[in-house]
Amino acid sequence: MAINVNNVSDATFDKDVLGSEKPVLVDFWAQWCGPCKAIAPVIEELASTYKDQISVAKVDVDQNPSTPQKFGIKGIPTLILFKNGQVVDQIVGNVPKEKIIELIKRA
């Protein structure tokens, strides 16, 4: 697991994401998901690059089913940007790095 990426669970989501002082980019993913694995190095790189501006978290949808359900996650990977406990925007699928950077800049 990358240094700048936190694993977040259903139990810690409210505190780690919704209660964060910094905007948080959350990657909803699963072990068996090919596109999730493909996008992971990009997420880790951006977590490092933007560590002063945002936090980055990962939620394994198989181990933590209630959080994805709460936010209507239907496909993975889904990236959701939270700021002040609110959803700012989201992206679904393995998208180019530039798309994720655009999302981060909205924070």
C-alpha atoms as a PDB file:
ATOM      1  CA  MET A   1       0.000   0.000   0.000  1.00  0.00           C
ATOM      2  CA  ALA A   2       1.314   3.417  -0.919  1.00  0.00           C
ATOM      3  CA  ILE A   3       2.512   5.675   1.852  1.00  0.00           C
ATOM      4  CA  ASN A   4       0.066   8.469   1.048  1.00  0.00           C
ATOM      5  CA  VAL A   5      -3.025   6.270   0.612  1.00  0.00           C
ATOM      6  CA  ASN A   6      -5.207   5.285   3.577  1.00  0.00           C
ATOM      7  CA  ASN A   7      -7.301   2.144   3.675  1.00  0.00           C
ATOM      8  CA  VAL A   8     -10.692   3.212   4.973  1.00  0.00           C
ATOM      9  CA  SER A   9     -13.454   0.913   6.224  1.00  0.00           C
ATOM     10  CA  ASP A  10     -17.179   1.319   6.848  1.00  0.00           C
ATOM     11  CA  ALA A  11     -16.284   1.881  10.506  1.00  0.00           C
ATOM     12  CA  THR A  12     -13.728   4.651   9.872  1.00  0.00           C
ATOM     13  CA  PHE A  13     -15.240   6.343   6.795  1.00  0.00           C
ATOM     14  CA  ASP A  14     -17.106   9.128   8.618  1.00  0.00           C
ATOM     15  CA  LYS A  15     -14.053  10.095  10.676  1.00  0.00           C
ATOM     16  CA  ASP A  16     -11.376   9.619   7.986  1.00  0.00           C
ATOM     17  CA  VAL A  17     -13.253  11.020   4.984  1.00  0.00           C
ATOM     18  CA  LEU A  18     -16.284  13.073   5.996  1.00  0.00           C
ATOM     19  CA  GLY A  19     -14.482  14.540   9.013  1.00  0.00           C
ATOM     20  CA  SER A  20     -11.245  15.319   7.185  1.00  0.00           C
ATOM     21  CA  GLU A  21      -9.977  18.889   7.184  1.00  0.00           C
ATOM     22  CA  LYS A  22      -8.510  18.346   3.709  1.00  0.00           C
ATOM     23  CA  PRO A  23     -10.517  17.273   0.661  1.00  0.00           C
ATOM     24  CA  VAL A  24     -10.396  13.488   0.243  1.00  0.00           C
ATOM     25  CA  LEU A  25     -10.271  11.515  -2.998  1.00  0.00           C
ATOM     26  CA  VAL A  26     -11.794   8.089  -2.321  1.00  0.00           C
ATOM     27  CA  ASP A  27     -11.082   5.130  -4.603  1.00  0.00           C
ATOM     28  CA  PHE A  28     -13.818   2.480  -4.343  1.00  0.00           C
ATOM     29  CA  TRP A  29     -12.252  -0.763  -5.603  1.00  0.00           C
ATOM     30  CA  ALA A  30     -12.074  -4.567  -5.229  1.00  0.00           C
ATOM     31  CA  GLN A  31      -9.288  -7.190  -5.374  1.00  0.00           C
ATOM     32  CA  TRP A  32     -10.808  -8.952  -8.400  1.00  0.00           C
ATOM     33  CA  CYS A  33     -11.310  -5.759 -10.438  1.00  0.00           C
ATOM     34  CA  GLY A  34      -8.855  -5.442 -13.351  1.00  0.00           C
ATOM     35  CA  PRO A  35      -9.505  -1.734 -14.070  1.00  0.00           C
ATOM     36  CA  CYS A  36      -9.081  -1.033 -10.328  1.00  0.00           C
ATOM     37  CA  LYS A  37      -5.630  -2.630 -10.418  1.00  0.00           C
ATOM     38  CA  ALA A  38      -4.778  -0.697 -13.590  1.00  0.00           C
ATOM     39  CA  ILE A  39      -5.675   2.670 -12.057  1.00  0.00           C
ATOM     40  CA  ALA A  40      -4.046   1.993  -8.647  1.00  0.00           C
ATOM     41  CA  PRO A  41      -0.499   3.162  -9.590  1.00  0.00           C
ATOM     42  CA  VAL A  42      -1.961   6.411 -10.969  1.00  0.00           C
ATOM     43  CA  ILE A  43      -3.921   6.991  -7.740  1.00  0.00           C
ATOM     44  CA  GLU A  44      -0.778   6.324  -5.676  1.00  0.00           C
ATOM     45  CA  GLU A  45       1.295   8.703  -7.814  1.00  0.00           C
ATOM     46  CA  LEU A  46      -1.305  11.463  -7.485  1.00  0.00           C
ATOM     47  CA  ALA A  47      -1.605  10.836  -3.723  1.00  0.00           C
ATOM     48  CA  SER A  48       2.102  11.562  -3.515  1.00  0.00           C
ATOM     49  CA  THR A  49       2.033  14.559  -5.866  1.00  0.00           C
ATOM     50  CA  TYR A  50      -0.955  16.261  -4.204  1.00  0.00           C
ATOM     51  CA  LYS A  51      -0.357  15.139  -0.600  1.00  0.00           C
ATOM     52  CA  ASP A  52      -0.293  18.748   0.645  1.00  0.00           C
ATOM     53  CA  GLN A  53      -3.672  19.575  -0.903  1.00  0.00           C
ATOM     54  CA  ILE A  54      -5.716  16.384  -0.526  1.00  0.00           C
ATOM     55  CA  SER A  55      -5.896  13.053   1.254  1.00  0.00           C
ATOM     56  CA  VAL A  56      -6.406   9.848  -0.709  1.00  0.00           C
ATOM     57  CA  ALA A  57      -8.323   6.856   0.619  1.00  0.00           C
ATOM     58  CA  LYS A  58      -9.270   3.421  -0.722  1.00  0.00           C
ATOM     59  CA  VAL A  59     -12.409   1.497   0.186  1.00  0.00           C
ATOM     60  CA  ASP A  60     -12.560  -2.218  -0.657  1.00  0.00           C
ATOM     61  CA  VAL A  61     -16.213  -2.614  -1.680  1.00  0.00           C
ATOM     62  CA  ASP A  62     -16.291  -6.340  -0.875  1.00  0.00           C
ATOM     63  CA  GLN A  63     -15.063  -5.906   2.689  1.00  0.00           C
ATOM     64  CA  ASN A  64     -16.998  -2.678   3.312  1.00  0.00           C
ATOM     65  CA  PRO A  65     -20.394  -2.935   1.579  1.00  0.00           C
ATOM     66  CA  SER A  66     -22.359  -0.246   3.420  1.00  0.00           C
ATOM     67  CA  THR A  67     -20.280   2.810   2.423  1.00  0.00           C
ATOM     68  CA  PRO A  68     -20.458   2.151  -1.350  1.00  0.00           C
ATOM     69  CA  GLN A  69     -24.176   1.476  -0.977  1.00  0.00           C
ATOM     70  CA  LYS A  70     -24.654   4.786   0.850  1.00  0.00           C
ATOM     71  CA  PHE A  71     -23.058   6.664  -2.057  1.00  0.00           C
ATOM     72  CA  GLY A  72     -24.772   4.678  -4.807  1.00  0.00           C
ATOM     73  CA  ILE A  73     -21.632   3.015  -6.173  1.00  0.00           C
ATOM     74  CA  LYS A  74     -22.716   0.771  -9.063  1.00  0.00           C
ATOM     75  CA  GLY A  75     -19.442   0.259 -10.931  1.00  0.00           C
ATOM     76  CA  ILE A  76     -15.827   0.162  -9.884  1.00  0.00           C
ATOM     77  CA  PRO A  77     -13.387   1.733  -9.849  1.00  0.00           C
ATOM     78  CA  THR A  78     -15.326   4.803  -8.740  1.00  0.00           C
ATOM     79  CA  LEU A  79     -13.420   7.857  -7.550  1.00  0.00           C
ATOM     80  CA  ILE A  80     -15.340  10.336  -5.414  1.00  0.00           C
ATOM     81  CA  LEU A  81     -13.962  13.661  -4.252  1.00  0.00           C
ATOM     82  CA  PHE A  82     -15.244  14.789  -0.848  1.00  0.00           C
ATOM     83  CA  LYS A  83     -14.781  18.267   0.579  1.00  0.00           C
ATOM     84  CA  ASN A  84     -16.134  19.338   3.973  1.00  0.00           C
ATOM     85  CA  GLY A  85     -18.019  16.033   4.184  1.00  0.00           C
ATOM     86  CA  GLN A  86     -19.837  16.605   0.882  1.00  0.00           C
ATOM     87  CA  VAL A  87     -19.467  14.929  -2.515  1.00  0.00           C
ATOM     88  CA  VAL A  88     -17.859  17.403  -4.927  1.00  0.00           C
ATOM     89  CA  ASP A  89     -17.716  15.142  -7.972  1.00  0.00           C
ATOM     90  CA  GLN A  90     -17.071  11.574  -9.082  1.00  0.00           C
ATOM     91  CA  ILE A  91     -15.578   9.558 -11.927  1.00  0.00           C
ATOM     92  CA  VAL A  92     -16.384   5.937 -12.791  1.00  0.00           C
ATOM     93  CA  GLY A  93     -13.995   3.616 -14.599  1.00  0.00           C
ATOM     94  CA  ASN A  94     -10.327   3.483 -15.490  1.00  0.00           C
ATOM     95  CA  VAL A  95      -9.881   7.027 -16.765  1.00  0.00           C
ATOM     96  CA  PRO A  96      -6.760   8.881 -17.939  1.00  0.00           C
ATOM     97  CA  LYS A  97      -4.615  10.539 -15.276  1.00  0.00           C
ATOM     98  CA  GLU A  98      -5.551  13.993 -16.614  1.00  0.00           C
ATOM     99  CA  LYS A  99      -9.219  13.346 -15.766  1.00  0.00           C
ATOM    100  CA  ILE A 100      -8.289  12.541 -12.165  1.00  0.00           C
ATOM    101  CA  ILE A 101      -6.085  15.653 -11.950  1.00  0.00           C
ATOM    102  CA  GLU A 102      -9.050  17.750 -13.144  1.00  0.00           C
ATOM    103  CA  LEU A 103     -11.150  16.177 -10.391  1.00  0.00           C
ATOM    104  CA  ILE A 104      -8.492  16.949  -7.757  1.00  0.00           C
ATOM    105  CA  LYS A 105      -8.261  20.560  -8.913  1.00  0.00           C
ATOM    106  CA  ARG A 106     -11.983  21.028  -8.192  1.00  0.00           C
ATOM    107  CA  ALA A 107     -11.106  20.688  -4.527  1.00  0.00           C
END
